[in-house]
C-alpha atoms as a PDB file:
ATOM      1  CA  MET A   1      -0.876  36.281 -65.408  1.00  0.00           C
ATOM      2  CA  TYR A   2      -0.040  34.044 -62.337  1.00  0.00           C
ATOM      3  CA  GLY A   3      -2.721  32.842 -59.765  1.00  0.00           C
ATOM      4  CA  THR A   4      -0.666  30.585 -57.847  1.00  0.00           C
ATOM      5  CA  GLY A   5       2.897  29.809 -57.009  1.00  0.00           C
ATOM      6  CA  THR A   6       5.550  31.697 -55.015  1.00  0.00           C
ATOM      7  CA  ILE A   7       7.464  34.924 -56.144  1.00  0.00           C
ATOM      8  CA  ALA A   8      10.590  32.860 -56.547  1.00  0.00           C
ATOM      9  CA  GLU A   9       8.720  30.321 -58.912  1.00  0.00           C
ATOM     10  CA  VAL A  10       7.296  33.241 -60.916  1.00  0.00           C
ATOM     11  CA  LEU A  11      10.526  34.816 -61.310  1.00  0.00           C
ATOM     12  CA  ALA A  12      12.331  31.665 -62.372  1.00  0.00           C
ATOM     13  CA  ASP A  13       9.610  30.942 -65.010  1.00  0.00           C
ATOM     14  CA  GLN A  14      10.398  34.472 -66.462  1.00  0.00           C
ATOM     15  CA  GLY A  15      14.043  33.646 -66.433  1.00  0.00           C
ATOM     16  CA  ILE A  16      14.913  35.960 -63.633  1.00  0.00           C
ATOM     17  CA  THR A  17      17.667  34.469 -61.444  1.00  0.00           C
ATOM     18  CA  PRO A  18      18.094  35.448 -57.682  1.00  0.00           C
ATOM     19  CA  ASP A  19      19.973  38.547 -57.086  1.00  0.00           C
ATOM     20  CA  LEU A  20      22.230  36.730 -54.581  1.00  0.00           C
ATOM     21  CA  THR A  21      22.736  32.930 -53.677  1.00  0.00           C
ATOM     22  CA  ALA A  22      24.914  31.410 -51.003  1.00  0.00           C
ATOM     23  CA  GLN A  23      26.488  28.091 -50.516  1.00  0.00           C
ATOM     24  CA  PRO A  24      26.330  26.618 -47.930  1.00  0.00           C
ATOM     25  CA  GLY A  25      23.570  28.464 -46.420  1.00  0.00           C
ATOM     26  CA  LYS A  26      20.161  30.114 -47.360  1.00  0.00           C
ATOM     27  CA  VAL A  27      19.757  33.772 -48.189  1.00  0.00           C
ATOM     28  CA  GLY A  28      16.865  35.289 -45.910  1.00  0.00           C
ATOM     29  CA  GLU A  29      17.821  32.819 -43.236  1.00  0.00           C
ATOM     30  CA  ASP A  30      21.602  32.587 -42.730  1.00  0.00           C
ATOM     31  CA  ILE A  31      22.432  35.509 -45.132  1.00  0.00           C
ATOM     32  CA  LEU A  32      20.743  38.905 -45.280  1.00  0.00           C
ATOM     33  CA  PHE A  33      21.698  41.472 -47.760  1.00  0.00           C
ATOM     34  CA  GLN A  34      20.916  44.728 -49.357  1.00  0.00           C
ATOM     35  CA  HIS A  35      21.790  45.719 -52.891  1.00  0.00           C
ATOM     36  CA  ARG A  36      22.424  49.308 -54.138  1.00  0.00           C
ATOM     37  CA  THR A  37      22.920  50.267 -57.841  1.00  0.00           C
ATOM     38  CA  LEU A  38      25.538  53.112 -57.928  1.00  0.00           C
ATOM     39  CA  GLY A  39      26.520  55.137 -60.866  1.00  0.00           C
ATOM     40  CA  ASP A  40      29.860  53.363 -61.193  1.00  0.00           C
ATOM     41  CA  GLY A  41      29.026  49.888 -59.747  1.00  0.00           C
ATOM     42  CA  ASP A  42      26.788  47.883 -57.420  1.00  0.00           C
ATOM     43  CA  PHE A  43      26.961  47.846 -53.619  1.00  0.00           C
ATOM     44  CA  TYR A  44      25.979  44.722 -51.631  1.00  0.00           C
ATOM     45  CA  PHE A  45      25.659  44.800 -47.743  1.00  0.00           C
ATOM     46  CA  VAL A  46      25.725  41.209 -46.689  1.00  0.00           C
ATOM     47  CA  MET A  47      25.376  39.924 -43.186  1.00  0.00           C
ATOM     48  CA  ASN A  48      26.000  36.451 -41.815  1.00  0.00           C
ATOM     49  CA  ARG A  49      22.995  35.684 -39.379  1.00  0.00           C
ATOM     50  CA  ARG A  50      24.623  32.510 -37.902  1.00  0.00           C
ATOM     51  CA  GLU A  51      25.790  32.671 -34.274  1.00  0.00           C
ATOM     52  CA  ARG A  52      29.440  31.783 -35.533  1.00  0.00           C
ATOM     53  CA  ALA A  53      31.926  32.790 -38.054  1.00  0.00           C
ATOM     54  CA  GLY A  54      31.813  30.782 -41.168  1.00  0.00           C
ATOM     55  CA  SER A  55      32.744  30.866 -45.103  1.00  0.00           C
ATOM     56  CA  PHE A  56      30.168  31.277 -47.722  1.00  0.00           C
ATOM     57  CA  GLU A  57      30.388  31.066 -51.376  1.00  0.00           C
ATOM     58  CA  LEU A  58      28.359  33.823 -52.802  1.00  0.00           C
ATOM     59  CA  SER A  59      26.943  34.221 -56.167  1.00  0.00           C
ATOM     60  CA  PHE A  60      25.744  37.668 -57.504  1.00  0.00           C
ATOM     61  CA  ARG A  61      23.711  38.353 -60.554  1.00  0.00           C
ATOM     62  CA  GLN A  62      26.345  40.909 -61.793  1.00  0.00           C
ATOM     63  CA  THR A  63      29.335  40.507 -64.210  1.00  0.00           C
ATOM     64  CA  GLY A  64      31.895  43.022 -65.414  1.00  0.00           C
ATOM     65  CA  LYS A  65      33.069  44.209 -61.980  1.00  0.00           C
ATOM     66  CA  ALA A  66      35.832  43.015 -59.650  1.00  0.00           C
ATOM     67  CA  PRO A  67      34.419  42.313 -56.170  1.00  0.00           C
ATOM     68  CA  GLU A  68      35.880  43.755 -52.919  1.00  0.00           C
ATOM     69  CA  LEU A  69      35.521  43.149 -49.394  1.00  0.00           C
ATOM     70  CA  TRP A  70      34.842  46.153 -47.230  1.00  0.00           C
ATOM     71  CA  ARG A  71      35.212  45.858 -43.388  1.00  0.00           C
ATOM     72  CA  ALA A  72      32.488  47.889 -41.972  1.00  0.00           C
ATOM     73  CA  ASP A  73      34.414  48.212 -38.643  1.00  0.00           C
ATOM     74  CA  THR A  74      37.714  49.392 -39.899  1.00  0.00           C
ATOM     75  CA  GLY A  75      36.945  50.698 -43.388  1.00  0.00           C
ATOM     76  CA  GLU A  76      39.628  48.308 -44.770  1.00  0.00           C
ATOM     77  CA  ARG A  77      39.066  47.158 -48.345  1.00  0.00           C
ATOM     78  CA  PHE A  78      40.352  43.902 -49.877  1.00  0.00           C
ATOM     79  CA  PRO A  79      40.123  42.418 -53.456  1.00  0.00           C
ATOM     80  CA  LEU A  80      38.482  39.120 -53.604  1.00  0.00           C
ATOM     81  CA  SER A  81      39.329  36.052 -55.725  1.00  0.00           C
ATOM     82  CA  TYR A  82      36.269  35.367 -58.077  1.00  0.00           C
ATOM     83  CA  ARG A  83      35.050  33.641 -61.076  1.00  0.00           C
ATOM     84  CA  ILE A  84      32.387  34.206 -63.790  1.00  0.00           C
ATOM     85  CA  GLU A  85      30.004  31.446 -64.043  1.00  0.00           C
ATOM     86  CA  ASN A  86      26.696  31.293 -65.909  1.00  0.00           C
ATOM     87  CA  ALA A  87      26.627  35.077 -66.282  1.00  0.00           C
ATOM     88  CA  ARG A  88      27.087  35.417 -62.509  1.00  0.00           C
ATOM     89  CA  THR A  89      30.089  36.703 -60.363  1.00  0.00           C
ATOM     90  CA  VAL A  90      30.937  33.852 -57.997  1.00  0.00           C
END
């Protein structure tokens, strides 16, 4: 049982990695996201909160799937380049 520490510290102590990380940037400040598990995959809605366009390298706690970018404004879908690193999709 934990009486002190942050949720992130407790999860890390249990070996549970963050669902999403971003470089550069900080999830929860620069990047917001929602994750839904579907019958045939996972869906992440990711939003850039910065006041300007930018690029981020995202790392998901998922493997075995090929990521795609879906444009919410047009409905277009594009495959993304990715790599598997430390049991994560980057």
